[in-house]
Amino acid sequence: MSEAPAAPPTESAEGTGTSLLLTPPRPRSGWRLLPARVVAMCAVELQKLRHDRTELYTRAIQPALWLLIFGQTFTRIRAIPTGGIPYIDYLAPGIIAQSAMFIAIFYGIQIIWERDAGVLNKLLVTPTPRSALITGKAFAAGVKSLIQAVVVIVIAAILGVSLTWNPLKLLGVGLAVVLASAFFSCLSMSIAGIVLSRDRLMGIGQAITMPLFFGSNALYPVAIMPGWLQVVSRINPLSYQVDALRGLLLGTPAHLGLDFGVLAVAAALGITAASALLGRLAR
């Protein structure tokens, strides 16, 4: 009977005669690194503002016009029931939500540009999970929207809108803006993962922004809407954002627990959907 072949010699440690099998290093836990990667992605997105702030300036024009023209005109007409508060006060939280949504809803165009420039493929081959990439981009959109919200609040204050300056309530306003913007940016990135084209995404984005805005309680109370539009408003995350902003900024009756719950769930679902569709952009 032939002898079994001898096992190959193992490498010795530091040139000694002691044989040690070389084992690969133990991988670090991915979930522990996830928050750091999300913060890093968010910081990368926000670095772009240092090079070009034009978007922030130009996007302040539209909400200013809404408050100056539409708000002051309808305050004089008094055609919309607002619960005894001036219409421009009633309108201001809706314009904050609208301006934040308009920033976030076209965020998918940027991710398509990154794909065309080859940036997205480089990001996808790193150890960073897709969910971290999407979450970082989503909350970067939230921070951009938060800057826009501050601009609108300042304009509203100059026009004499009675807003609260309670720090805790303003933190709640910031949270509502960030959560809603995270959802709308993820909605845009999810659509980008389906249509795969900037031109198509631009057309779809323009087609859904106005229905989302007019199908919410941003301009008028839900009670005066037609029945079918009330149904649309109740499933529209923008309505819950506006309700939270009005309750926090104006002190009107609001369902803050429900509002923040819906916004948090919507943001989580948006991140999940956009993460699942991100791979289609890299094909």
Foldseek 3Di string as FASTA:
>chain_A
DDDDDDDDAADDDPPDPDHDHDDDDDDDDPVVCLVVLLQVLLVVLLVVCVVPVPVLVVLLVVLLCCLVPVQVVCQVVVPADDPPFRLSLLQLLLSLLLSLLVQQQLLLLVVLVCLVVVNLVVVVPDPHALLSNLSSSLQSSLVSSLSSSVSSVVSSVVVPRQWDPPVVLVVVLSLLSSLQSLLSNLVLLLVCLVPVDSVVSVVVSVVVSVCLSVLEPNNHDLVPDPPVSNVSHVLRLSNLSSQSNCCSTVVDDHDVVVSSVVSNVSSVVSSVSSSVSSVSNND
